[in-house]
Amino acid sequence: MTQAAKLIRITYIALLILALVAPMLGLYPVFVMKLLCFAIFACAFNLLLGFTGLLSFGHAAFFGSAAYATGWVVKSLGWTPELGLLAGVVASGLIGLVVGLVAIRRQGIYFAMITLAIAQMVYFVCLQAPFTGGEDGLQGVPRGALFGLFSLESDIALYYLVVAVFVGCFLAISRIVRSPFGQVLKMIRENEPRAISLGYQVDRYKLLAFVLSAALAGLAGSLKTLVMGFATLSDAHWSMSGEVILMTLLGGVGTFFGPVFGAGIVISLQNMLADKVGSWVTVIIGVIFVMCVLAFRKGVVGELQAYLERRRRAVAAPDA
């Protein structure tokens, strides 16, 4: 194991320990849970953009549809939270399958605009459907009891469930990317004609990556509904797609921890500045984003990894 790999592993372990003891350190559990939900969302988006090379402008559709699906089955049908999460993942995965079947027929900006157009259709459904609550959204969604046994009404109980789900998603995405399937996705990102010439069914790989990304984004939306107790139109609005793109680019596209870092920056800024500057928070975040893009073209984590790699090569060069 290289020095950089050891450092990354130690960092991950330290962050996991920090997450486990965060409530004991005085960090507000609901804030950290919201951050982790958006971190899952950003990681799901990064699976598509960073490792497959597909830019989607419509990921809010999956986040929002799952949020509404979970909120409705838990509140109206009395389903337990784990079934509510499953309903949200299935709903977003099915919508992702439909969107993917249409969108993967095109590339580049055309792919992105198709996802945006269909996402706006989903937004319209969320606005007009009778079970969504219209402009008021779904309010008062209960947390319920996990498997009907363990109450999640306590912030601490739900917090550790969210941490467990986040760690599971992070490890799953890491495993997917490092698998042979993930290597094919990277090849498609780098040189799609080459992948086709080698006999790979590129459209199938892209469709599967799209559905996986949609399902994980849906899981993030479902968790967010349980944490906050509501699902609103902002979850399915196009601006939510913009936020997840911002998080991913800010942290570092194509890195494992970059989207988590980017989500942490954006959510923390929103939490700290919302009550101080009001709607100007978006302007401030935009300025910070522009500055980071100019200073860190690969994102904060991406530039850090590149720096560590340059140091490793510089140390290894004299030995060679």
C-alpha atoms as a PDB file:
ATOM      1  CA  MET A   1       0.000   0.000   0.000  1.00  0.00           C
ATOM      2  CA  THR A   2       1.364   3.396  -1.024  1.00  0.00           C
ATOM      3  CA  GLN A   3       1.767   6.303   1.370  1.00  0.00           C
ATOM      4  CA  ALA A   4      -1.153   8.146  -0.243  1.00  0.00           C
ATOM      5  CA  ALA A   5      -3.403   5.084   0.054  1.00  0.00           C
ATOM      6  CA  LYS A   6      -2.508   4.737   3.744  1.00  0.00           C
ATOM      7  CA  LEU A   7      -3.259   8.415   4.299  1.00  0.00           C
ATOM      8  CA  ILE A   8      -6.636   8.106   2.558  1.00  0.00           C
ATOM      9  CA  ARG A   9      -7.559   5.029   4.595  1.00  0.00           C
ATOM     10  CA  ILE A  10      -6.577   6.742   7.856  1.00  0.00           C
ATOM     11  CA  THR A  11      -8.621   9.800   6.837  1.00  0.00           C
ATOM     12  CA  TYR A  12     -11.693   7.666   6.135  1.00  0.00           C
ATOM     13  CA  ILE A  13     -11.383   5.904   9.503  1.00  0.00           C
ATOM     14  CA  ALA A  14     -10.966   9.221  11.315  1.00  0.00           C
ATOM     15  CA  LEU A  15     -14.022  10.678   9.567  1.00  0.00           C
ATOM     16  CA  LEU A  16     -16.080   7.588  10.412  1.00  0.00           C
ATOM     17  CA  ILE A  17     -15.123   7.889  14.076  1.00  0.00           C
ATOM     18  CA  LEU A  18     -16.002  11.590  13.942  1.00  0.00           C
ATOM     19  CA  ALA A  19     -19.409  10.763  12.453  1.00  0.00           C
ATOM     20  CA  LEU A  20     -20.085   8.206  15.201  1.00  0.00           C
ATOM     21  CA  VAL A  21     -19.242  10.603  18.034  1.00  0.00           C
ATOM     22  CA  ALA A  22     -20.620  13.767  16.402  1.00  0.00           C
ATOM     23  CA  PRO A  23     -23.757  13.959  18.609  1.00  0.00           C
ATOM     24  CA  MET A  24     -21.551  13.688  21.703  1.00  0.00           C
ATOM     25  CA  LEU A  25     -19.455  16.620  20.472  1.00  0.00           C
ATOM     26  CA  GLY A  26     -22.477  18.901  20.362  1.00  0.00           C
ATOM     27  CA  LEU A  27     -23.108  18.794  16.610  1.00  0.00           C
ATOM     28  CA  TYR A  28     -26.797  19.118  15.759  1.00  0.00           C
ATOM     29  CA  PRO A  29     -27.908  15.613  14.605  1.00  0.00           C
ATOM     30  CA  VAL A  30     -30.531  16.883  12.142  1.00  0.00           C
ATOM     31  CA  PHE A  31     -27.964  19.104  10.408  1.00  0.00           C
ATOM     32  CA  VAL A  32     -25.468  16.243  10.078  1.00  0.00           C
ATOM     33  CA  MET A  33     -28.219  13.911   8.827  1.00  0.00           C
ATOM     34  CA  LYS A  34     -29.224  16.433   6.174  1.00  0.00           C
ATOM     35  CA  LEU A  35     -25.578  16.775   5.162  1.00  0.00           C
ATOM     36  CA  LEU A  36     -25.210  12.990   4.836  1.00  0.00           C
ATOM     37  CA  CYS A  37     -28.396  12.743   2.756  1.00  0.00           C
ATOM     38  CA  PHE A  38     -27.049  15.286   0.277  1.00  0.00           C
ATOM     39  CA  ALA A  39     -23.663  13.571   0.374  1.00  0.00           C
ATOM     40  CA  ILE A  40     -25.363  10.363  -0.803  1.00  0.00           C
ATOM     41  CA  PHE A  41     -27.116  12.400  -3.503  1.00  0.00           C
ATOM     42  CA  ALA A  42     -23.821  13.902  -4.680  1.00  0.00           C
ATOM     43  CA  CYS A  43     -22.076  10.507  -4.659  1.00  0.00           C
ATOM     44  CA  ALA A  44     -24.915   9.071  -6.755  1.00  0.00           C
ATOM     45  CA  PHE A  45     -24.580  11.903  -9.252  1.00  0.00           C
ATOM     46  CA  ASN A  46     -20.805  11.485  -9.324  1.00  0.00           C
ATOM     47  CA  LEU A  47     -21.244   7.819 -10.265  1.00  0.00           C
ATOM     48  CA  LEU A  48     -22.883   9.041 -13.455  1.00  0.00           C
ATOM     49  CA  LEU A  49     -20.820  12.147 -14.244  1.00  0.00           C
ATOM     50  CA  GLY A  50     -17.451  11.383 -12.688  1.00  0.00           C
ATOM     51  CA  PHE A  51     -17.118   7.718 -13.612  1.00  0.00           C
ATOM     52  CA  THR A  52     -19.334   7.381 -16.697  1.00  0.00           C
ATOM     53  CA  GLY A  53     -19.015  10.837 -18.215  1.00  0.00           C
ATOM     54  CA  LEU A  54     -22.754  11.517 -18.503  1.00  0.00           C
ATOM     55  CA  LEU A  55     -23.967  14.956 -17.415  1.00  0.00           C
ATOM     56  CA  SER A  56     -27.561  14.917 -16.166  1.00  0.00           C
ATOM     57  CA  PHE A  57     -29.507  18.128 -15.558  1.00  0.00           C
ATOM     58  CA  GLY A  58     -32.479  16.188 -14.191  1.00  0.00           C
ATOM     59  CA  HIS A  59     -31.328  14.321 -11.097  1.00  0.00           C
ATOM     60  CA  ALA A  60     -33.771  16.317  -8.983  1.00  0.00           C
ATOM     61  CA  ALA A  61     -36.507  14.186 -10.560  1.00  0.00           C
ATOM     62  CA  PHE A  62     -35.170  11.078  -8.837  1.00  0.00           C
ATOM     63  CA  PHE A  63     -34.458  12.830  -5.556  1.00  0.00           C
ATOM     64  CA  GLY A  64     -37.886  14.480  -5.489  1.00  0.00           C
ATOM     65  CA  SER A  65     -39.963  11.535  -6.724  1.00  0.00           C
ATOM     66  CA  ALA A  66     -38.447   9.269  -4.072  1.00  0.00           C
ATOM     67  CA  ALA A  67     -39.036  11.920  -1.401  1.00  0.00           C
ATOM     68  CA  TYR A  68     -42.723  12.100  -2.318  1.00  0.00           C
ATOM     69  CA  ALA A  69     -43.091   8.320  -2.680  1.00  0.00           C
ATOM     70  CA  THR A  70     -41.606   7.673   0.746  1.00  0.00           C
ATOM     71  CA  GLY A  71     -43.586  10.473   2.364  1.00  0.00           C
ATOM     72  CA  TRP A  72     -46.862   9.239   0.891  1.00  0.00           C
ATOM     73  CA  VAL A  73     -46.542   5.538   1.742  1.00  0.00           C
ATOM     74  CA  VAL A  74     -45.308   6.280   5.269  1.00  0.00           C
ATOM     75  CA  LYS A  75     -47.880   8.973   6.050  1.00  0.00           C
ATOM     76  CA  SER A  76     -50.943   7.775   4.132  1.00  0.00           C
ATOM     77  CA  LEU A  77     -50.475   4.000   4.040  1.00  0.00           C
ATOM     78  CA  GLY A  78     -48.749   3.606   7.385  1.00  0.00           C
ATOM     79  CA  TRP A  79     -45.741   1.738   5.992  1.00  0.00           C
ATOM     80  CA  THR A  80     -42.693   1.250   8.177  1.00  0.00           C
ATOM     81  CA  PRO A  81     -39.641   3.430   7.368  1.00  0.00           C
ATOM     82  CA  GLU A  82     -37.606   0.652   5.738  1.00  0.00           C
ATOM     83  CA  LEU A  83     -40.503  -0.102   3.373  1.00  0.00           C
ATOM     84  CA  GLY A  84     -40.858   3.616   2.735  1.00  0.00           C
ATOM     85  CA  LEU A  85     -37.189   3.830   1.792  1.00  0.00           C
ATOM     86  CA  LEU A  86     -37.594   0.804  -0.477  1.00  0.00           C
ATOM     87  CA  ALA A  87     -40.633   2.394  -2.144  1.00  0.00           C
ATOM     88  CA  GLY A  88     -38.646   5.557  -2.820  1.00  0.00           C
ATOM     89  CA  VAL A  89     -35.702   3.651  -4.285  1.00  0.00           C
ATOM     90  CA  VAL A  90     -37.981   1.564  -6.520  1.00  0.00           C
ATOM     91  CA  ALA A  91     -39.893   4.645  -7.700  1.00  0.00           C
ATOM     92  CA  SER A  92     -36.733   6.575  -8.552  1.00  0.00           C
ATOM     93  CA  GLY A  93     -35.149   3.499 -10.154  1.00  0.00           C
ATOM     94  CA  LEU A  94     -38.173   2.968 -12.420  1.00  0.00           C
ATOM     95  CA  ILE A  95     -38.235   6.630 -13.415  1.00  0.00           C
ATOM     96  CA  GLY A  96     -34.478   6.401 -14.018  1.00  0.00           C
ATOM     97  CA  LEU A  97     -35.048   3.400 -16.278  1.00  0.00           C
ATOM     98  CA  VAL A  98     -37.619   5.292 -18.355  1.00  0.00           C
ATOM     99  CA  VAL A  99     -35.489   8.435 -18.558  1.00  0.00           C
ATOM    100  CA  GLY A 100     -32.370   6.414 -19.315  1.00  0.00           C
ATOM    101  CA  LEU A 101     -33.985   4.481 -22.165  1.00  0.00           C
ATOM    102  CA  VAL A 102     -34.801   7.785 -23.843  1.00  0.00           C
ATOM    103  CA  ALA A 103     -31.731   9.828 -22.923  1.00  0.00           C
ATOM    104  CA  ILE A 104     -28.890   7.403 -23.703  1.00  0.00           C
ATOM    105  CA  ARG A 105     -29.804   7.551 -27.377  1.00  0.00           C
ATOM    106  CA  ARG A 106     -28.123  10.955 -27.404  1.00  0.00           C
ATOM    107  CA  GLN A 107     -24.803  12.305 -26.159  1.00  0.00           C
ATOM    108  CA  GLY A 108     -23.395  15.496 -24.689  1.00  0.00           C
ATOM    109  CA  ILE A 109     -25.664  18.509 -24.332  1.00  0.00           C
ATOM    110  CA  TYR A 110     -28.554  16.662 -25.987  1.00  0.00           C
ATOM    111  CA  PHE A 111     -28.423  13.987 -23.303  1.00  0.00           C
ATOM    112  CA  ALA A 112     -28.377  16.664 -20.597  1.00  0.00           C
ATOM    113  CA  MET A 113     -31.315  18.577 -22.081  1.00  0.00           C
ATOM    114  CA  ILE A 114     -33.442  15.413 -22.391  1.00  0.00           C
ATOM    115  CA  THR A 115     -32.902  14.672 -18.699  1.00  0.00           C
ATOM    116  CA  LEU A 116     -33.822  18.256 -17.836  1.00  0.00           C
ATOM    117  CA  ALA A 117     -36.991  18.154 -19.941  1.00  0.00           C
ATOM    118  CA  ILE A 118     -38.222  14.897 -18.394  1.00  0.00           C
ATOM    119  CA  ALA A 119     -37.320  16.164 -14.923  1.00  0.00           C
ATOM    120  CA  GLN A 120     -39.574  19.170 -15.519  1.00  0.00           C
ATOM    121  CA  MET A 121     -42.385  16.765 -16.382  1.00  0.00           C
ATOM    122  CA  VAL A 122     -41.827  14.992 -13.065  1.00  0.00           C
ATOM    123  CA  TYR A 123     -41.910  18.377 -11.322  1.00  0.00           C
ATOM    124  CA  PHE A 124     -45.242  19.149 -12.964  1.00  0.00           C
ATOM    125  CA  VAL A 125     -46.645  15.809 -11.736  1.00  0.00           C
ATOM    126  CA  CYS A 126     -45.442  16.593  -8.211  1.00  0.00           C
ATOM    127  CA  LEU A 127     -47.208  19.954  -8.453  1.00  0.00           C
ATOM    128  CA  GLN A 128     -50.524  18.668  -9.830  1.00  0.00           C
ATOM    129  CA  ALA A 129     -50.957  15.153  -8.425  1.00  0.00           C
ATOM    130  CA  PRO A 130     -53.584  15.003  -5.639  1.00  0.00           C
ATOM    131  CA  PHE A 131     -51.458  12.932  -3.255  1.00  0.00           C
ATOM    132  CA  THR A 132     -48.461  15.302  -3.255  1.00  0.00           C
ATOM    133  CA  GLY A 133     -50.124  18.216  -1.513  1.00  0.00           C
ATOM    134  CA  GLY A 134     -49.461  20.616  -4.385  1.00  0.00           C
ATOM    135  CA  GLU A 135     -47.535  23.740  -3.395  1.00  0.00           C
ATOM    136  CA  ASP A 136     -47.781  22.797   0.291  1.00  0.00           C
ATOM    137  CA  GLY A 137     -46.047  19.454  -0.226  1.00  0.00           C
ATOM    138  CA  LEU A 138     -46.314  16.533   2.157  1.00  0.00           C
ATOM    139  CA  GLN A 139     -46.062  17.750   5.720  1.00  0.00           C
ATOM    140  CA  GLY A 140     -45.835  15.858   9.000  1.00  0.00           C
ATOM    141  CA  VAL A 141     -44.321  12.642   7.663  1.00  0.00           C
ATOM    142  CA  PRO A 142     -43.753  10.363  10.698  1.00  0.00           C
ATOM    143  CA  ARG A 143     -40.446   8.600  11.220  1.00  0.00           C
ATOM    144  CA  GLY A 144     -42.118   5.469  12.513  1.00  0.00           C
ATOM    145  CA  ALA A 145     -40.350   2.418  13.873  1.00  0.00           C
ATOM    146  CA  LEU A 146     -37.696   0.468  11.973  1.00  0.00           C
ATOM    147  CA  PHE A 147     -39.049  -3.035  11.213  1.00  0.00           C
ATOM    148  CA  GLY A 148     -41.911  -2.084  13.505  1.00  0.00           C
ATOM    149  CA  LEU A 149     -39.629  -2.549  16.528  1.00  0.00           C
ATOM    150  CA  PHE A 150     -37.102   0.282  16.853  1.00  0.00           C
ATOM    151  CA  SER A 151     -38.565   3.761  17.147  1.00  0.00           C
ATOM    152  CA  LEU A 152     -36.874   6.425  15.025  1.00  0.00           C
ATOM    153  CA  GLU A 153     -38.624   9.370  16.678  1.00  0.00           C
ATOM    154  CA  SER A 154     -35.401  10.137  18.552  1.00  0.00           C
ATOM    155  CA  ASP A 155     -32.911  12.181  16.530  1.00  0.00           C
ATOM    156  CA  ILE A 156     -30.061  10.014  17.826  1.00  0.00           C
ATOM    157  CA  ALA A 157     -31.703   6.741  16.735  1.00  0.00           C
ATOM    158  CA  LEU A 158     -32.383   8.066  13.238  1.00  0.00           C
ATOM    159  CA  TYR A 159     -28.919   9.622  13.099  1.00  0.00           C
ATOM    160  CA  TYR A 160     -27.135   6.301  13.401  1.00  0.00           C
ATOM    161  CA  LEU A 161     -29.448   4.762  10.799  1.00  0.00           C
ATOM    162  CA  VAL A 162     -28.530   7.557   8.372  1.00  0.00           C
ATOM    163  CA  VAL A 163     -24.819   7.095   9.125  1.00  0.00           C
ATOM    164  CA  ALA A 164     -25.132   3.356   8.466  1.00  0.00           C
ATOM    165  CA  VAL A 165     -26.937   3.945   5.166  1.00  0.00           C
ATOM    166  CA  PHE A 166     -24.370   6.539   4.094  1.00  0.00           C
ATOM    167  CA  VAL A 167     -21.428   4.228   4.869  1.00  0.00           C
ATOM    168  CA  GLY A 168     -23.168   1.400   2.998  1.00  0.00           C
ATOM    169  CA  CYS A 169     -23.781   3.599  -0.054  1.00  0.00           C
ATOM    170  CA  PHE A 170     -20.232   4.947  -0.031  1.00  0.00           C
ATOM    171  CA  LEU A 171     -18.748   1.438   0.129  1.00  0.00           C
ATOM    172  CA  ALA A 172     -21.160   0.178  -2.529  1.00  0.00           C
ATOM    173  CA  ILE A 173     -20.209   2.963  -4.955  1.00  0.00           C
ATOM    174  CA  SER A 174     -16.529   2.344  -4.242  1.00  0.00           C
ATOM    175  CA  ARG A 175     -17.002  -1.363  -4.968  1.00  0.00           C
ATOM    176  CA  ILE A 176     -18.950  -0.656  -8.159  1.00  0.00           C
ATOM    177  CA  VAL A 177     -16.280   1.694  -9.504  1.00  0.00           C
ATOM    178  CA  ARG A 178     -13.434  -0.727  -8.721  1.00  0.00           C
ATOM    179  CA  SER A 179     -15.252  -3.729 -10.238  1.00  0.00           C
ATOM    180  CA  PRO A 180     -14.862  -4.814 -13.887  1.00  0.00           C
ATOM    181  CA  PHE A 181     -18.183  -3.076 -14.546  1.00  0.00           C
ATOM    182  CA  GLY A 182     -16.753   0.143 -13.146  1.00  0.00           C
ATOM    183  CA  GLN A 183     -13.645  -0.159 -15.268  1.00  0.00           C
ATOM    184  CA  VAL A 184     -15.817  -0.397 -18.367  1.00  0.00           C
ATOM    185  CA  LEU A 185     -17.656   2.741 -17.265  1.00  0.00           C
ATOM    186  CA  LYS A 186     -14.329   4.574 -16.991  1.00  0.00           C
ATOM    187  CA  MET A 187     -13.381   3.367 -20.462  1.00  0.00           C
ATOM    188  CA  ILE A 188     -16.673   4.675 -21.828  1.00  0.00           C
ATOM    189  CA  ARG A 189     -15.959   8.009 -20.156  1.00  0.00           C
ATOM    190  CA  GLU A 190     -12.468   8.245 -21.610  1.00  0.00           C
ATOM    191  CA  ASN A 191     -13.047   6.814 -25.092  1.00  0.00           C
ATOM    192  CA  GLU A 192     -16.509   5.542 -25.995  1.00  0.00           C
ATOM    193  CA  PRO A 193     -15.666   4.645 -29.628  1.00  0.00           C
ATOM    194  CA  ARG A 194     -12.784   2.505 -28.329  1.00  0.00           C
ATOM    195  CA  ALA A 195     -15.153   0.685 -25.962  1.00  0.00           C
ATOM    196  CA  ILE A 196     -17.545   0.017 -28.836  1.00  0.00           C
ATOM    197  CA  SER A 197     -14.717  -1.279 -31.012  1.00  0.00           C
ATOM    198  CA  LEU A 198     -13.792  -3.755 -28.274  1.00  0.00           C
ATOM    199  CA  GLY A 199     -17.276  -5.237 -28.430  1.00  0.00           C
ATOM    200  CA  TYR A 200     -18.874  -3.753 -25.311  1.00  0.00           C
ATOM    201  CA  GLN A 201     -22.601  -2.991 -25.398  1.00  0.00           C
ATOM    202  CA  VAL A 202     -22.025   0.617 -24.380  1.00  0.00           C
ATOM    203  CA  ASP A 203     -25.687   1.600 -24.178  1.00  0.00           C
ATOM    204  CA  ARG A 204     -26.400  -1.213 -21.719  1.00  0.00           C
ATOM    205  CA  TYR A 205     -23.574  -0.128 -19.457  1.00  0.00           C
ATOM    206  CA  LYS A 206     -24.675   3.500 -19.582  1.00  0.00           C
ATOM    207  CA  LEU A 207     -28.288   2.547 -18.879  1.00  0.00           C
ATOM    208  CA  LEU A 208     -27.332   0.435 -15.873  1.00  0.00           C
ATOM    209  CA  ALA A 209     -25.120   3.216 -14.526  1.00  0.00           C
ATOM    210  CA  PHE A 210     -27.975   5.684 -15.003  1.00  0.00           C
ATOM    211  CA  VAL A 211     -30.476   3.479 -13.158  1.00  0.00           C
ATOM    212  CA  LEU A 212     -28.024   2.842 -10.307  1.00  0.00           C
ATOM    213  CA  SER A 213     -27.366   6.568  -9.995  1.00  0.00           C
ATOM    214  CA  ALA A 214     -31.102   7.318 -10.046  1.00  0.00           C
ATOM    215  CA  ALA A 215     -31.860   4.693  -7.394  1.00  0.00           C
ATOM    216  CA  LEU A 216     -29.136   5.981  -5.071  1.00  0.00           C
ATOM    217  CA  ALA A 217     -30.317   9.558  -5.607  1.00  0.00           C
ATOM    218  CA  GLY A 218     -33.792   8.329  -4.688  1.00  0.00           C
ATOM    219  CA  LEU A 219     -32.453   6.771  -1.515  1.00  0.00           C
ATOM    220  CA  ALA A 220     -31.027  10.163  -0.568  1.00  0.00           C
ATOM    221  CA  GLY A 221     -34.389  11.828  -1.179  1.00  0.00           C
ATOM    222  CA  SER A 222     -36.238   9.188   0.842  1.00  0.00           C
ATOM    223  CA  LEU A 223     -33.868   9.571   3.781  1.00  0.00           C
ATOM    224  CA  LYS A 224     -34.207  13.337   3.626  1.00  0.00           C
ATOM    225  CA  THR A 225     -38.000  13.016   3.918  1.00  0.00           C
ATOM    226  CA  LEU A 226     -37.707  10.849   7.030  1.00  0.00           C
ATOM    227  CA  VAL A 227     -35.149  13.192   8.572  1.00  0.00           C
ATOM    228  CA  MET A 228     -36.957  16.468   7.901  1.00  0.00           C
ATOM    229  CA  GLY A 229     -40.520  15.123   8.083  1.00  0.00           C
ATOM    230  CA  PHE A 230     -41.675  16.645   4.796  1.00  0.00           C
ATOM    231  CA  ALA A 231     -41.311  16.528   1.020  1.00  0.00           C
ATOM    232  CA  THR A 232     -41.742  19.748  -0.973  1.00  0.00           C
ATOM    233  CA  LEU A 233     -41.590  20.949  -4.557  1.00  0.00           C
ATOM    234  CA  SER A 234     -38.048  22.217  -3.999  1.00  0.00           C
ATOM    235  CA  ASP A 235     -36.937  18.564  -3.845  1.00  0.00           C
ATOM    236  CA  ALA A 236     -37.998  18.084  -7.469  1.00  0.00           C
ATOM    237  CA  HIS A 237     -37.168  21.574  -8.764  1.00  0.00           C
ATOM    238  CA  TRP A 238     -34.470  22.030 -11.403  1.00  0.00           C
ATOM    239  CA  SER A 239     -32.425  24.082  -8.921  1.00  0.00           C
ATOM    240  CA  MET A 240     -31.876  20.904  -6.896  1.00  0.00           C
ATOM    241  CA  SER A 241     -30.142  19.409  -9.938  1.00  0.00           C
ATOM    242  CA  GLY A 242     -27.966  22.506 -10.044  1.00  0.00           C
ATOM    243  CA  GLU A 243     -27.067  22.119  -6.378  1.00  0.00           C
ATOM    244  CA  VAL A 244     -25.886  18.535  -6.784  1.00  0.00           C
ATOM    245  CA  ILE A 245     -23.785  19.528  -9.811  1.00  0.00           C
ATOM    246  CA  LEU A 246     -22.264  22.317  -7.717  1.00  0.00           C
ATOM    247  CA  MET A 247     -21.478  19.924  -4.851  1.00  0.00           C
ATOM    248  CA  THR A 248     -19.791  17.440  -7.165  1.00  0.00           C
ATOM    249  CA  LEU A 249     -17.716  19.989  -9.070  1.00  0.00           C
ATOM    250  CA  LEU A 250     -16.712  21.788  -5.889  1.00  0.00           C
ATOM    251  CA  GLY A 251     -15.446  18.626  -4.200  1.00  0.00           C
ATOM    252  CA  GLY A 252     -13.964  16.972  -7.266  1.00  0.00           C
ATOM    253  CA  VAL A 253     -15.544  15.060 -10.141  1.00  0.00           C
ATOM    254  CA  GLY A 254     -14.367  11.471 -10.411  1.00  0.00           C
ATOM    255  CA  THR A 255     -13.101  11.266  -6.833  1.00  0.00           C
ATOM    256  CA  PHE A 256     -14.691   9.158  -4.113  1.00  0.00           C
ATOM    257  CA  PHE A 257     -14.697  11.688  -1.282  1.00  0.00           C
ATOM    258  CA  GLY A 258     -15.014  14.848  -3.384  1.00  0.00           C
ATOM    259  CA  PRO A 259     -18.843  14.857  -3.591  1.00  0.00           C
ATOM    260  CA  VAL A 260     -19.065  14.314   0.183  1.00  0.00           C
ATOM    261  CA  PHE A 261     -16.756  17.270   0.773  1.00  0.00           C
ATOM    262  CA  GLY A 262     -18.659  19.420  -1.701  1.00  0.00           C
ATOM    263  CA  ALA A 263     -21.984  18.553  -0.066  1.00  0.00           C
ATOM    264  CA  GLY A 264     -20.507  19.456   3.308  1.00  0.00           C
ATOM    265  CA  ILE A 265     -19.406  22.885   2.054  1.00  0.00           C
ATOM    266  CA  VAL A 266     -22.712  23.750   0.369  1.00  0.00           C
ATOM    267  CA  ILE A 267     -24.996  22.527   3.161  1.00  0.00           C
ATOM    268  CA  SER A 268     -22.827  24.139   5.839  1.00  0.00           C
ATOM    269  CA  LEU A 269     -22.863  27.490   4.035  1.00  0.00           C
ATOM    270  CA  GLN A 270     -26.621  27.309   3.553  1.00  0.00           C
ATOM    271  CA  ASN A 271     -27.102  26.489   7.232  1.00  0.00           C
ATOM    272  CA  MET A 272     -24.805  29.243   8.485  1.00  0.00           C
ATOM    273  CA  LEU A 273     -25.807  32.024   6.101  1.00  0.00           C
ATOM    274  CA  ALA A 274     -29.530  31.460   5.474  1.00  0.00           C
ATOM    275  CA  ASP A 275     -30.687  33.347   8.569  1.00  0.00           C
ATOM    276  CA  LYS A 276     -28.074  36.084   8.127  1.00  0.00           C
ATOM    277  CA  VAL A 277     -28.215  37.059   4.462  1.00  0.00           C
ATOM    278  CA  GLY A 278     -31.477  35.449   3.294  1.00  0.00           C
ATOM    279  CA  SER A 279     -31.709  34.830  -0.446  1.00  0.00           C
ATOM    280  CA  TRP A 280     -28.205  36.260  -0.923  1.00  0.00           C
ATOM    281  CA  VAL A 281     -26.856  32.910   0.222  1.00  0.00           C
ATOM    282  CA  THR A 282     -27.098  31.617  -3.352  1.00  0.00           C
ATOM    283  CA  VAL A 283     -25.020  34.560  -4.592  1.00  0.00           C
ATOM    284  CA  ILE A 284     -22.352  33.941  -1.947  1.00  0.00           C
ATOM    285  CA  ILE A 285     -22.211  30.236  -2.738  1.00  0.00           C
ATOM    286  CA  GLY A 286     -21.953  31.102  -6.435  1.00  0.00           C
ATOM    287  CA  VAL A 287     -19.000  33.438  -5.818  1.00  0.00           C
ATOM    288  CA  ILE A 288     -17.249  30.793  -3.705  1.00  0.00           C
ATOM    289  CA  PHE A 289     -17.880  28.243  -6.438  1.00  0.00           C
ATOM    290  CA  VAL A 290     -16.349  30.478  -9.118  1.00  0.00           C
ATOM    291  CA  MET A 291     -13.299  31.129  -6.934  1.00  0.00           C
ATOM    292  CA  CYS A 292     -12.839  27.420  -6.216  1.00  0.00           C
ATOM    293  CA  VAL A 293     -13.199  26.513  -9.889  1.00  0.00           C
ATOM    294  CA  LEU A 294     -10.548  29.079 -10.827  1.00  0.00           C
ATOM    295  CA  ALA A 295      -8.192  27.968  -8.044  1.00  0.00           C
ATOM    296  CA  PHE A 296      -8.994  24.243  -8.002  1.00  0.00           C
ATOM    297  CA  ARG A 297      -9.925  23.107 -11.498  1.00  0.00           C
ATOM    298  CA  LYS A 298     -10.183  19.482 -10.377  1.00  0.00           C
ATOM    299  CA  GLY A 299     -12.134  20.356  -7.258  1.00  0.00           C
ATOM    300  CA  VAL A 300     -10.717  20.631  -3.770  1.00  0.00           C
ATOM    301  CA  VAL A 301     -10.262  16.891  -3.221  1.00  0.00           C
ATOM    302  CA  GLY A 302      -9.169  16.350  -6.828  1.00  0.00           C
ATOM    303  CA  GLU A 303      -6.406  18.933  -6.516  1.00  0.00           C
ATOM    304  CA  LEU A 304      -5.297  17.437  -3.197  1.00  0.00           C
ATOM    305  CA  GLN A 305      -5.052  13.989  -4.743  1.00  0.00           C
ATOM    306  CA  ALA A 306      -3.118  15.392  -7.707  1.00  0.00           C
ATOM    307  CA  TYR A 307      -0.706  17.126  -5.307  1.00  0.00           C
ATOM    308  CA  LEU A 308      -0.113  13.896  -3.352  1.00  0.00           C
ATOM    309  CA  GLU A 309       0.456  12.036  -6.612  1.00  0.00           C
ATOM    310  CA  ARG A 310       3.031  14.613  -7.760  1.00  0.00           C
ATOM    311  CA  ARG A 311       4.844  14.304  -4.442  1.00  0.00           C
ATOM    312  CA  ARG A 312       4.850  10.510  -4.703  1.00  0.00           C
ATOM    313  CA  ARG A 313       6.374  10.695  -8.186  1.00  0.00           C
ATOM    314  CA  ALA A 314       8.930  13.262  -7.064  1.00  0.00           C
ATOM    315  CA  VAL A 315      10.030  10.994  -4.210  1.00  0.00           C
ATOM    316  CA  ALA A 316      10.116   7.924  -6.431  1.00  0.00           C
ATOM    317  CA  ALA A 317      12.026   9.648  -9.269  1.00  0.00           C
ATOM    318  CA  PRO A 318      15.483   9.770  -7.568  1.00  0.00           C
ATOM    319  CA  ASP A 319      15.156   6.107  -6.567  1.00  0.00           C
ATOM    320  CA  ALA A 320      14.485   5.160 -10.178  1.00  0.00           C
END
